[in-house]
Amino acid sequence: MSDIHEMKLRQLDFSLLVIFQELYRSRRSIAAANRLRLSQPAISHALRRLRGILQDPLFVRRPNGLWPTSRAVELAPKVDAILGLAGAVVSGPTKFDPLASRRLFRVSANDFVGTLLAEPLISLFARAAPSAGLALSFAGGPGPAFKKLRENDLDLAIGRFPEIPDDCRTARLFEETYLVVARADHPQLRHGLQLDTYLALGHLIVSFAGDLVGTIDEYLTRKGLSRRVVASSPMFLAAFAAAAKCDLVVTAPRRLVERYATNFGLQVFELPFTPETFFMDIVRSQYSISDPAIDWLVENIIGLLR
């Protein structure tokens, strides 16, 4: 090894490689700073040191974030390998300690799972990981969720994912069906809910995008049937509140209905037909497969919602 190479190795510590890895994944210095619990000046200082040691700009600032140079692209898998080996050396058989952790955990979910999960998960963190942070957000669909997982802007995405990309891993959360809710004194439901009544009623559906066509409508269309959808809401609890004050009915996931229908004074009906069940899954990046902290989070979310 030449004297120059030895001198550069002495200048290069693992913290610089960790920051490089985070910048490469997130492409934004703010995101990297938040993820590593460092200040932006600390990130900028580390990047200046890396540029000097490696004799390359490494990242070029553009309107949509930091763009890696060809040298950074070449280095990224090597840095991943180095940090992976280093992690195996220092971690050994130790386990994640939630009581001591100050890590920020980031979870996105659709409205259905987010509503079910928020209270028990926040309570779990207050009890089991009081110094850790928890950020819950809307998933925004599979595409944005997978992008955030790849760029390390997200630890877990929860929702309905028909297809999982090769660089992500999934765990089954639960299988779900639907129920129907309506206000307690609904004039058209005094004798129960039959199929013809269901199709004739006005429906309020939940759609984050504001569509007036939902999964149930797709099922009915395949059967040569249709219902009358007159309004949409971006959130289930808002739809429940509206249904409690008007004659519209809401078809919603069974778990959500069983937990919240009584709070809104709603009566509950089984669907007068049997659509396919659907599944909720937890998706994580392949980068987190050896991360015991994410293992802990996944295990607890499954335990809370099953």
C-alpha atoms as a PDB file:
ATOM      1  CA  MET A   1       0.000   0.000   0.000  1.00  0.00           C
ATOM      2  CA  SER A   2       1.386   3.417  -0.989  1.00  0.00           C
ATOM      3  CA  ASP A   3       1.840   6.195   1.554  1.00  0.00           C
ATOM      4  CA  ILE A   4      -0.867   8.239  -0.201  1.00  0.00           C
ATOM      5  CA  HIS A   5      -3.422   5.404   0.046  1.00  0.00           C
ATOM      6  CA  GLU A   6      -2.547   4.810   3.702  1.00  0.00           C
ATOM      7  CA  MET A   7      -2.993   8.499   4.476  1.00  0.00           C
ATOM      8  CA  LYS A   8      -6.416   8.554   2.782  1.00  0.00           C
ATOM      9  CA  LEU A   9      -7.551   5.470   4.701  1.00  0.00           C
ATOM     10  CA  ARG A  10      -6.632   7.178   7.955  1.00  0.00           C
ATOM     11  CA  GLN A  11      -8.757  10.170   6.939  1.00  0.00           C
ATOM     12  CA  LEU A  12     -11.734   8.005   5.983  1.00  0.00           C
ATOM     13  CA  ASP A  13     -13.826   6.873   8.952  1.00  0.00           C
ATOM     14  CA  PHE A  14     -16.996   4.810   8.973  1.00  0.00           C
ATOM     15  CA  SER A  15     -19.194   7.780   9.837  1.00  0.00           C
ATOM     16  CA  LEU A  16     -18.324   9.348   6.475  1.00  0.00           C
ATOM     17  CA  LEU A  17     -19.306   6.155   4.683  1.00  0.00           C
ATOM     18  CA  VAL A  18     -22.607   6.005   6.563  1.00  0.00           C
ATOM     19  CA  ILE A  19     -23.368   9.588   5.494  1.00  0.00           C
ATOM     20  CA  PHE A  20     -22.383   8.808   1.895  1.00  0.00           C
ATOM     21  CA  GLN A  21     -24.724   5.786   1.912  1.00  0.00           C
ATOM     22  CA  GLU A  22     -27.605   7.850   3.279  1.00  0.00           C
ATOM     23  CA  LEU A  23     -27.069  10.666   0.797  1.00  0.00           C
ATOM     24  CA  TYR A  24     -26.912   8.179  -2.061  1.00  0.00           C
ATOM     25  CA  ARG A  25     -30.181   6.535  -1.009  1.00  0.00           C
ATOM     26  CA  SER A  26     -32.183   9.636  -0.142  1.00  0.00           C
ATOM     27  CA  ARG A  27     -30.610  12.088  -2.619  1.00  0.00           C
ATOM     28  CA  ARG A  28     -31.418  14.920  -0.198  1.00  0.00           C
ATOM     29  CA  SER A  29     -29.259  16.336   2.583  1.00  0.00           C
ATOM     30  CA  ILE A  30     -32.287  17.225   4.751  1.00  0.00           C
ATOM     31  CA  ALA A  31     -33.624  13.666   4.560  1.00  0.00           C
ATOM     32  CA  ALA A  32     -30.176  12.248   5.345  1.00  0.00           C
ATOM     33  CA  ALA A  33     -29.787  14.576   8.328  1.00  0.00           C
ATOM     34  CA  ASN A  34     -33.218  13.628   9.697  1.00  0.00           C
ATOM     35  CA  ARG A  35     -32.604   9.945   9.193  1.00  0.00           C
ATOM     36  CA  LEU A  36     -29.187  10.005  10.918  1.00  0.00           C
ATOM     37  CA  ARG A  37     -30.285  12.492  13.593  1.00  0.00           C
ATOM     38  CA  LEU A  38     -27.539  14.907  12.533  1.00  0.00           C
ATOM     39  CA  SER A  39     -27.594  18.597  11.678  1.00  0.00           C
ATOM     40  CA  GLN A  40     -27.420  19.754   8.065  1.00  0.00           C
ATOM     41  CA  PRO A  41     -24.084  21.499   8.699  1.00  0.00           C
ATOM     42  CA  ALA A  42     -22.701  18.168   9.927  1.00  0.00           C
ATOM     43  CA  ILE A  43     -23.868  16.482   6.718  1.00  0.00           C
ATOM     44  CA  SER A  44     -22.372  19.270   4.589  1.00  0.00           C
ATOM     45  CA  HIS A  45     -19.055  19.094   6.483  1.00  0.00           C
ATOM     46  CA  ALA A  46     -18.883  15.318   6.020  1.00  0.00           C
ATOM     47  CA  LEU A  47     -19.577  15.659   2.309  1.00  0.00           C
ATOM     48  CA  ARG A  48     -16.791  18.222   1.939  1.00  0.00           C
ATOM     49  CA  ARG A  49     -14.389  15.827   3.667  1.00  0.00           C
ATOM     50  CA  LEU A  50     -15.432  12.965   1.407  1.00  0.00           C
ATOM     51  CA  ARG A  51     -15.010  15.099  -1.705  1.00  0.00           C
ATOM     52  CA  GLY A  52     -11.489  15.995  -0.600  1.00  0.00           C
ATOM     53  CA  ILE A  53     -10.494  12.434   0.250  1.00  0.00           C
ATOM     54  CA  LEU A  54     -11.990  10.862  -2.883  1.00  0.00           C
ATOM     55  CA  GLN A  55     -11.121  13.724  -5.237  1.00  0.00           C
ATOM     56  CA  ASP A  56     -14.612  13.834  -6.724  1.00  0.00           C
ATOM     57  CA  PRO A  57     -17.739  16.020  -6.270  1.00  0.00           C
ATOM     58  CA  LEU A  58     -19.730  12.800  -5.593  1.00  0.00           C
ATOM     59  CA  PHE A  59     -23.102  14.630  -5.732  1.00  0.00           C
ATOM     60  CA  VAL A  60     -24.310  17.493  -7.927  1.00  0.00           C
ATOM     61  CA  ARG A  61     -27.174  19.637  -6.645  1.00  0.00           C
ATOM     62  CA  ARG A  62     -30.225  19.728  -8.926  1.00  0.00           C
ATOM     63  CA  PRO A  63     -33.788  21.052  -8.452  1.00  0.00           C
ATOM     64  CA  ASN A  64     -35.046  17.602  -7.422  1.00  0.00           C
ATOM     65  CA  GLY A  65     -32.172  16.804  -5.053  1.00  0.00           C
ATOM     66  CA  LEU A  66     -28.584  15.567  -5.122  1.00  0.00           C
ATOM     67  CA  TRP A  67     -27.574  13.689  -8.266  1.00  0.00           C
ATOM     68  CA  PRO A  68     -24.684  11.188  -7.878  1.00  0.00           C
ATOM     69  CA  THR A  69     -21.682  11.434 -10.137  1.00  0.00           C
ATOM     70  CA  SER A  70     -20.438   8.386 -12.026  1.00  0.00           C
ATOM     71  CA  ARG A  71     -17.789   7.968  -9.320  1.00  0.00           C
ATOM     72  CA  ALA A  72     -20.493   7.909  -6.615  1.00  0.00           C
ATOM     73  CA  VAL A  73     -22.495   5.340  -8.583  1.00  0.00           C
ATOM     74  CA  GLU A  74     -19.363   3.185  -8.821  1.00  0.00           C
ATOM     75  CA  LEU A  75     -18.674   3.524  -5.091  1.00  0.00           C
ATOM     76  CA  ALA A  76     -22.214   2.937  -3.775  1.00  0.00           C
ATOM     77  CA  PRO A  77     -22.265  -0.901  -3.887  1.00  0.00           C
ATOM     78  CA  LYS A  78     -18.745  -1.031  -2.451  1.00  0.00           C
ATOM     79  CA  VAL A  79     -19.752   1.216   0.451  1.00  0.00           C
ATOM     80  CA  ASP A  80     -22.841  -0.944   1.050  1.00  0.00           C
ATOM     81  CA  ALA A  81     -20.629  -4.023   1.198  1.00  0.00           C
ATOM     82  CA  ILE A  82     -18.104  -2.385   3.555  1.00  0.00           C
ATOM     83  CA  LEU A  83     -20.808  -1.172   5.942  1.00  0.00           C
ATOM     84  CA  GLY A  84     -22.576  -4.512   5.795  1.00  0.00           C
ATOM     85  CA  LEU A  85     -19.407  -6.319   6.839  1.00  0.00           C
ATOM     86  CA  ALA A  86     -18.660  -3.709   9.498  1.00  0.00           C
ATOM     87  CA  GLY A  87     -22.180  -4.049  10.859  1.00  0.00           C
ATOM     88  CA  ALA A  88     -21.812  -7.807  11.101  1.00  0.00           C
ATOM     89  CA  VAL A  89     -18.538  -7.377  12.994  1.00  0.00           C
ATOM     90  CA  VAL A  90     -19.792  -4.885  15.562  1.00  0.00           C
ATOM     91  CA  SER A  91     -23.369  -6.129  15.996  1.00  0.00           C
ATOM     92  CA  GLY A  92     -22.752  -9.837  16.479  1.00  0.00           C
ATOM     93  CA  PRO A  93     -25.668 -11.528  18.212  1.00  0.00           C
ATOM     94  CA  THR A  94     -26.930  -8.359  19.948  1.00  0.00           C
ATOM     95  CA  LYS A  95     -30.603  -7.452  19.656  1.00  0.00           C
ATOM     96  CA  PHE A  96     -32.425  -4.190  19.175  1.00  0.00           C
ATOM     97  CA  ASP A  97     -33.163  -2.455  22.482  1.00  0.00           C
ATOM     98  CA  PRO A  98     -36.327  -0.349  22.048  1.00  0.00           C
ATOM     99  CA  LEU A  99     -36.005   1.211  25.502  1.00  0.00           C
ATOM    100  CA  ALA A 100     -32.614   2.697  24.608  1.00  0.00           C
ATOM    101  CA  SER A 101     -33.361   3.582  20.983  1.00  0.00           C
ATOM    102  CA  ARG A 102     -33.570   7.186  19.808  1.00  0.00           C
ATOM    103  CA  ARG A 103     -34.279   6.189  16.230  1.00  0.00           C
ATOM    104  CA  LEU A 104     -37.002   7.759  14.080  1.00  0.00           C
ATOM    105  CA  PHE A 105     -39.306   5.094  12.599  1.00  0.00           C
ATOM    106  CA  ARG A 106     -41.273   6.057   9.498  1.00  0.00           C
ATOM    107  CA  VAL A 107     -44.399   4.139   8.498  1.00  0.00           C
ATOM    108  CA  SER A 108     -46.863   4.910   5.718  1.00  0.00           C
ATOM    109  CA  ALA A 109     -50.270   3.275   5.447  1.00  0.00           C
ATOM    110  CA  ASN A 110     -53.582   3.703   3.689  1.00  0.00           C
ATOM    111  CA  ASP A 111     -56.411   5.354   5.622  1.00  0.00           C
ATOM    112  CA  PHE A 112     -57.917   2.028   6.687  1.00  0.00           C
ATOM    113  CA  VAL A 113     -54.788   0.587   8.314  1.00  0.00           C
ATOM    114  CA  GLY A 114     -53.548   3.975   9.480  1.00  0.00           C
ATOM    115  CA  THR A 115     -56.785   4.523  11.419  1.00  0.00           C
ATOM    116  CA  LEU A 116     -56.542   1.098  13.038  1.00  0.00           C
ATOM    117  CA  LEU A 117     -52.837   1.369  13.775  1.00  0.00           C
ATOM    118  CA  ALA A 118     -52.290   4.916  15.026  1.00  0.00           C
ATOM    119  CA  GLU A 119     -53.579   4.603  18.591  1.00  0.00           C
ATOM    120  CA  PRO A 120     -52.125   1.186  19.521  1.00  0.00           C
ATOM    121  CA  LEU A 121     -48.768   1.866  17.832  1.00  0.00           C
ATOM    122  CA  ILE A 122     -48.336   5.287  19.434  1.00  0.00           C
ATOM    123  CA  SER A 123     -49.245   3.724  22.795  1.00  0.00           C
ATOM    124  CA  LEU A 124     -46.699   0.957  22.203  1.00  0.00           C
ATOM    125  CA  PHE A 125     -43.935   3.480  21.503  1.00  0.00           C
ATOM    126  CA  ALA A 126     -44.819   5.494  24.600  1.00  0.00           C
ATOM    127  CA  ARG A 127     -44.494   2.342  26.682  1.00  0.00           C
ATOM    128  CA  ALA A 128     -41.785   0.265  24.971  1.00  0.00           C
ATOM    129  CA  ALA A 129     -39.665   2.811  23.052  1.00  0.00           C
ATOM    130  CA  PRO A 130     -40.166   6.149  24.838  1.00  0.00           C
ATOM    131  CA  SER A 131     -37.083   7.844  23.382  1.00  0.00           C
ATOM    132  CA  ALA A 132     -37.703   6.725  19.786  1.00  0.00           C
ATOM    133  CA  GLY A 133     -39.665   8.758  17.247  1.00  0.00           C
ATOM    134  CA  LEU A 134     -42.608   7.591  15.149  1.00  0.00           C
ATOM    135  CA  ALA A 135     -43.807   9.285  11.943  1.00  0.00           C
ATOM    136  CA  LEU A 136     -47.057   7.967  10.419  1.00  0.00           C
ATOM    137  CA  SER A 137     -48.117   9.126   6.955  1.00  0.00           C
ATOM    138  CA  PHE A 138     -50.436   8.260   4.087  1.00  0.00           C
ATOM    139  CA  ALA A 139     -48.944   5.768   1.640  1.00  0.00           C
ATOM    140  CA  GLY A 140     -50.033   7.678  -1.470  1.00  0.00           C
ATOM    141  CA  GLY A 141     -50.205   4.502  -3.579  1.00  0.00           C
ATOM    142  CA  PRO A 142     -47.734   1.702  -4.359  1.00  0.00           C
ATOM    143  CA  GLY A 143     -45.516   3.728  -6.706  1.00  0.00           C
ATOM    144  CA  PRO A 144     -44.662   6.558  -4.297  1.00  0.00           C
ATOM    145  CA  ALA A 145     -44.357   4.104  -1.389  1.00  0.00           C
ATOM    146  CA  PHE A 146     -41.854   1.890  -3.209  1.00  0.00           C
ATOM    147  CA  LYS A 147     -39.871   4.959  -4.302  1.00  0.00           C
ATOM    148  CA  LYS A 148     -39.623   6.190  -0.703  1.00  0.00           C
ATOM    149  CA  LEU A 149     -38.541   2.737   0.467  1.00  0.00           C
ATOM    150  CA  ARG A 150     -35.791   2.623  -2.164  1.00  0.00           C
ATOM    151  CA  GLU A 151     -34.551   6.102  -1.258  1.00  0.00           C
ATOM    152  CA  ASN A 152     -34.671   5.304   2.470  1.00  0.00           C
ATOM    153  CA  ASP A 153     -37.295   7.979   3.136  1.00  0.00           C
ATOM    154  CA  LEU A 154     -39.527   5.292   4.643  1.00  0.00           C
ATOM    155  CA  ASP A 155     -39.060   2.186   6.771  1.00  0.00           C
ATOM    156  CA  LEU A 156     -42.365   0.404   6.118  1.00  0.00           C
ATOM    157  CA  ALA A 157     -45.330   0.771   3.766  1.00  0.00           C
ATOM    158  CA  ILE A 158     -48.644  -0.894   4.654  1.00  0.00           C
ATOM    159  CA  GLY A 159     -51.530  -1.396   2.262  1.00  0.00           C
ATOM    160  CA  ARG A 160     -52.808  -3.342  -0.721  1.00  0.00           C
ATOM    161  CA  PHE A 161     -49.963  -4.106  -3.126  1.00  0.00           C
ATOM    162  CA  PRO A 162     -50.896  -6.330  -6.101  1.00  0.00           C
ATOM    163  CA  GLU A 163     -47.253  -6.556  -7.154  1.00  0.00           C
ATOM    164  CA  ILE A 164     -44.078  -6.284  -5.074  1.00  0.00           C
ATOM    165  CA  PRO A 165     -40.834  -5.144  -6.804  1.00  0.00           C
ATOM    166  CA  ASP A 166     -37.760  -7.336  -6.561  1.00  0.00           C
ATOM    167  CA  ASP A 167     -35.936  -4.902  -4.279  1.00  0.00           C
ATOM    168  CA  CYS A 168     -38.661  -5.000  -1.604  1.00  0.00           C
ATOM    169  CA  ARG A 169     -39.810  -7.684   0.829  1.00  0.00           C
ATOM    170  CA  THR A 170     -43.317  -8.286   2.132  1.00  0.00           C
ATOM    171  CA  ALA A 171     -45.089  -9.800   5.146  1.00  0.00           C
ATOM    172  CA  ARG A 172     -48.793 -10.620   5.257  1.00  0.00           C
ATOM    173  CA  LEU A 173     -50.648  -8.522   7.839  1.00  0.00           C
ATOM    174  CA  PHE A 174     -54.210  -9.850   7.566  1.00  0.00           C
ATOM    175  CA  GLU A 175     -57.069 -10.853   5.269  1.00  0.00           C
ATOM    176  CA  GLU A 176     -60.151  -8.641   5.291  1.00  0.00           C
ATOM    177  CA  THR A 177     -63.816  -8.463   4.197  1.00  0.00           C
ATOM    178  CA  TYR A 178     -66.473  -5.727   4.123  1.00  0.00           C
ATOM    179  CA  LEU A 179     -69.508  -4.613   6.116  1.00  0.00           C
ATOM    180  CA  VAL A 180     -72.089  -1.894   5.487  1.00  0.00           C
ATOM    181  CA  VAL A 181     -72.930   0.942   7.895  1.00  0.00           C
ATOM    182  CA  ALA A 182     -75.897   3.322   7.955  1.00  0.00           C
ATOM    183  CA  ARG A 183     -77.494   5.733  10.398  1.00  0.00           C
ATOM    184  CA  ALA A 184     -79.506   4.075  13.142  1.00  0.00           C
ATOM    185  CA  ASP A 185     -82.963   5.191  11.948  1.00  0.00           C
ATOM    186  CA  HIS A 186     -82.416   4.809   8.215  1.00  0.00           C
ATOM    187  CA  PRO A 187     -85.927   4.614   6.669  1.00  0.00           C
ATOM    188  CA  GLN A 188     -85.006   2.124   3.926  1.00  0.00           C
ATOM    189  CA  LEU A 189     -83.286  -0.369   6.225  1.00  0.00           C
ATOM    190  CA  ARG A 190     -86.013  -1.142   8.751  1.00  0.00           C
ATOM    191  CA  HIS A 191     -86.339  -4.669   7.379  1.00  0.00           C
ATOM    192  CA  GLY A 192     -82.663  -5.390   6.821  1.00  0.00           C
ATOM    193  CA  LEU A 193     -80.420  -5.055   3.803  1.00  0.00           C
ATOM    194  CA  GLN A 194     -81.236  -7.051   0.678  1.00  0.00           C
ATOM    195  CA  LEU A 195     -79.401  -6.857  -2.631  1.00  0.00           C
ATOM    196  CA  ASP A 196     -82.004  -4.724  -4.430  1.00  0.00           C
ATOM    197  CA  THR A 197     -82.054  -2.253  -1.542  1.00  0.00           C
ATOM    198  CA  TYR A 198     -78.241  -2.091  -1.462  1.00  0.00           C
ATOM    199  CA  LEU A 199     -78.066  -1.310  -5.182  1.00  0.00           C
ATOM    200  CA  ALA A 200     -80.794   1.348  -4.955  1.00  0.00           C
ATOM    201  CA  LEU A 201     -79.405   3.203  -1.941  1.00  0.00           C
ATOM    202  CA  GLY A 202     -77.137   6.223  -2.243  1.00  0.00           C
ATOM    203  CA  HIS A 203     -73.535   5.287  -1.463  1.00  0.00           C
ATOM    204  CA  LEU A 204     -70.660   7.249   0.016  1.00  0.00           C
ATOM    205  CA  ILE A 205     -67.335   5.655  -0.844  1.00  0.00           C
ATOM    206  CA  VAL A 206     -63.838   6.312   0.467  1.00  0.00           C
ATOM    207  CA  SER A 207     -61.308   7.384  -2.139  1.00  0.00           C
ATOM    208  CA  PHE A 208     -58.085   9.243  -1.407  1.00  0.00           C
ATOM    209  CA  ALA A 209     -58.012  10.370  -5.058  1.00  0.00           C
ATOM    210  CA  GLY A 210     -61.653  11.493  -5.090  1.00  0.00           C
ATOM    211  CA  ASP A 211     -62.894   8.807  -7.494  1.00  0.00           C
ATOM    212  CA  LEU A 212     -66.529   7.667  -7.483  1.00  0.00           C
ATOM    213  CA  VAL A 213     -65.663   4.092  -8.384  1.00  0.00           C
ATOM    214  CA  GLY A 214     -64.331   1.650  -5.786  1.00  0.00           C
ATOM    215  CA  THR A 215     -63.374  -1.996  -5.439  1.00  0.00           C
ATOM    216  CA  ILE A 216     -66.995  -2.985  -4.773  1.00  0.00           C
ATOM    217  CA  ASP A 217     -68.094  -1.302  -8.010  1.00  0.00           C
ATOM    218  CA  GLU A 218     -65.535  -3.313  -9.961  1.00  0.00           C
ATOM    219  CA  TYR A 219     -66.908  -6.502  -8.420  1.00  0.00           C
ATOM    220  CA  LEU A 220     -70.532  -5.544  -9.166  1.00  0.00           C
ATOM    221  CA  THR A 221     -69.660  -4.685 -12.769  1.00  0.00           C
ATOM    222  CA  ARG A 222     -68.248  -8.175 -13.284  1.00  0.00           C
ATOM    223  CA  LYS A 223     -71.598  -9.526 -12.045  1.00  0.00           C
ATOM    224  CA  GLY A 224     -73.582  -7.260 -14.372  1.00  0.00           C
ATOM    225  CA  LEU A 225     -74.762  -5.062 -11.470  1.00  0.00           C
ATOM    226  CA  SER A 226     -74.228  -1.478 -10.359  1.00  0.00           C
ATOM    227  CA  ARG A 227     -74.902   0.698  -7.310  1.00  0.00           C
ATOM    228  CA  ARG A 228     -75.547   4.444  -7.019  1.00  0.00           C
ATOM    229  CA  VAL A 229     -72.398   6.191  -5.782  1.00  0.00           C
ATOM    230  CA  VAL A 230     -73.143   9.845  -5.100  1.00  0.00           C
ATOM    231  CA  ALA A 231     -70.174  11.057  -3.040  1.00  0.00           C
ATOM    232  CA  SER A 232     -66.647  10.218  -1.910  1.00  0.00           C
ATOM    233  CA  SER A 233     -64.547  11.027   1.153  1.00  0.00           C
ATOM    234  CA  PRO A 234     -60.770  10.714   1.519  1.00  0.00           C
ATOM    235  CA  MET A 235     -61.065   9.120   4.996  1.00  0.00           C
ATOM    236  CA  PHE A 236     -63.237   6.388   6.511  1.00  0.00           C
ATOM    237  CA  LEU A 237     -63.981   8.143   9.794  1.00  0.00           C
ATOM    238  CA  ALA A 238     -65.129  11.238   7.904  1.00  0.00           C
ATOM    239  CA  ALA A 239     -67.398   8.967   5.859  1.00  0.00           C
ATOM    240  CA  PHE A 240     -68.780   7.392   9.042  1.00  0.00           C
ATOM    241  CA  ALA A 241     -69.514  10.834  10.481  1.00  0.00           C
ATOM    242  CA  ALA A 242     -71.339  11.839   7.294  1.00  0.00           C
ATOM    243  CA  ALA A 243     -73.342   8.602   7.132  1.00  0.00           C
ATOM    244  CA  ALA A 244     -74.533   9.189  10.709  1.00  0.00           C
ATOM    245  CA  LYS A 245     -76.224  12.411   9.538  1.00  0.00           C
ATOM    246  CA  CYS A 246     -77.741  11.441   6.180  1.00  0.00           C
ATOM    247  CA  ASP A 247     -79.249   8.518   4.258  1.00  0.00           C
ATOM    248  CA  LEU A 248     -76.060   7.517   2.422  1.00  0.00           C
ATOM    249  CA  VAL A 249     -74.517   4.162   3.354  1.00  0.00           C
ATOM    250  CA  VAL A 250     -70.842   3.236   3.516  1.00  0.00           C
ATOM    251  CA  THR A 251     -69.245  -0.097   2.650  1.00  0.00           C
ATOM    252  CA  ALA A 252     -66.103  -0.367   4.750  1.00  0.00           C
ATOM    253  CA  PRO A 253     -63.545  -2.917   5.989  1.00  0.00           C
ATOM    254  CA  ARG A 254     -64.897  -5.190   8.724  1.00  0.00           C
ATOM    255  CA  ARG A 255     -62.188  -4.383  11.300  1.00  0.00           C
ATOM    256  CA  LEU A 256     -62.802  -0.669  10.961  1.00  0.00           C
ATOM    257  CA  VAL A 257     -66.562  -1.062  11.266  1.00  0.00           C
ATOM    258  CA  GLU A 258     -66.301  -3.314  14.306  1.00  0.00           C
ATOM    259  CA  ARG A 259     -64.057  -0.792  16.067  1.00  0.00           C
ATOM    260  CA  TYR A 260     -65.766   2.510  15.193  1.00  0.00           C
ATOM    261  CA  ALA A 261     -69.407   2.015  14.126  1.00  0.00           C
ATOM    262  CA  THR A 262     -70.724   2.303  17.694  1.00  0.00           C
ATOM    263  CA  ASN A 263     -68.841   5.564  18.225  1.00  0.00           C
ATOM    264  CA  PHE A 264     -70.840   7.142  15.397  1.00  0.00           C
ATOM    265  CA  GLY A 265     -74.175   5.529  16.308  1.00  0.00           C
ATOM    266  CA  LEU A 266     -74.221   3.498  13.104  1.00  0.00           C
ATOM    267  CA  GLN A 267     -76.044   0.244  12.511  1.00  0.00           C
ATOM    268  CA  VAL A 268     -74.114  -2.539  10.799  1.00  0.00           C
ATOM    269  CA  PHE A 269     -75.167  -4.947   8.042  1.00  0.00           C
ATOM    270  CA  GLU A 270     -73.534  -7.837   6.263  1.00  0.00           C
ATOM    271  CA  LEU A 271     -73.145  -7.315   2.530  1.00  0.00           C
ATOM    272  CA  PRO A 272     -76.002  -8.989   0.594  1.00  0.00           C
ATOM    273  CA  PHE A 273     -73.401 -10.626  -1.672  1.00  0.00           C
ATOM    274  CA  THR A 274     -69.929 -12.078  -1.204  1.00  0.00           C
ATOM    275  CA  PRO A 275     -67.086 -10.185  -2.895  1.00  0.00           C
ATOM    276  CA  GLU A 276     -63.533 -11.425  -2.825  1.00  0.00           C
ATOM    277  CA  THR A 277     -61.603 -10.895   0.367  1.00  0.00           C
ATOM    278  CA  PHE A 278     -58.538  -8.686   0.196  1.00  0.00           C
ATOM    279  CA  PHE A 279     -55.160  -8.608   1.918  1.00  0.00           C
ATOM    280  CA  MET A 280     -53.134  -6.021   3.782  1.00  0.00           C
ATOM    281  CA  ASP A 281     -49.350  -6.386   3.553  1.00  0.00           C
ATOM    282  CA  ILE A 282     -46.289  -4.805   5.141  1.00  0.00           C
ATOM    283  CA  VAL A 283     -43.529  -3.931   2.662  1.00  0.00           C
ATOM    284  CA  ARG A 284     -39.936  -3.055   3.501  1.00  0.00           C
ATOM    285  CA  SER A 285     -36.816  -2.361   1.450  1.00  0.00           C
ATOM    286  CA  GLN A 286     -34.269  -5.111   0.926  1.00  0.00           C
ATOM    287  CA  TYR A 287     -31.784  -2.737   2.605  1.00  0.00           C
ATOM    288  CA  SER A 288     -33.548  -3.322   5.932  1.00  0.00           C
ATOM    289  CA  ILE A 289     -33.597  -7.115   5.873  1.00  0.00           C
ATOM    290  CA  SER A 290     -30.754  -7.360   8.406  1.00  0.00           C
ATOM    291  CA  ASP A 291     -32.045  -4.475  10.529  1.00  0.00           C
ATOM    292  CA  PRO A 292     -33.278  -5.795  13.906  1.00  0.00           C
ATOM    293  CA  ALA A 293     -35.038  -2.494  14.657  1.00  0.00           C
ATOM    294  CA  ILE A 294     -37.284  -2.905  11.612  1.00  0.00           C
ATOM    295  CA  ASP A 295     -37.808  -6.567  12.543  1.00  0.00           C
ATOM    296  CA  TRP A 296     -39.054  -5.373  15.945  1.00  0.00           C
ATOM    297  CA  LEU A 297     -41.408  -2.856  14.328  1.00  0.00           C
ATOM    298  CA  VAL A 298     -42.859  -5.400  11.881  1.00  0.00           C
ATOM    299  CA  GLU A 299     -43.421  -7.988  14.605  1.00  0.00           C
ATOM    300  CA  ASN A 300     -45.218  -5.477  16.809  1.00  0.00           C
ATOM    301  CA  ILE A 301     -47.441  -4.132  14.032  1.00  0.00           C
ATOM    302  CA  ILE A 302     -48.477  -7.675  13.136  1.00  0.00           C
ATOM    303  CA  GLY A 303     -49.189  -8.387  16.791  1.00  0.00           C
ATOM    304  CA  LEU A 304     -51.260  -5.220  17.190  1.00  0.00           C
ATOM    305  CA  LEU A 305     -53.482  -5.769  14.141  1.00  0.00           C
ATOM    306  CA  ARG A 306     -53.990  -9.510  13.932  1.00  0.00           C
END
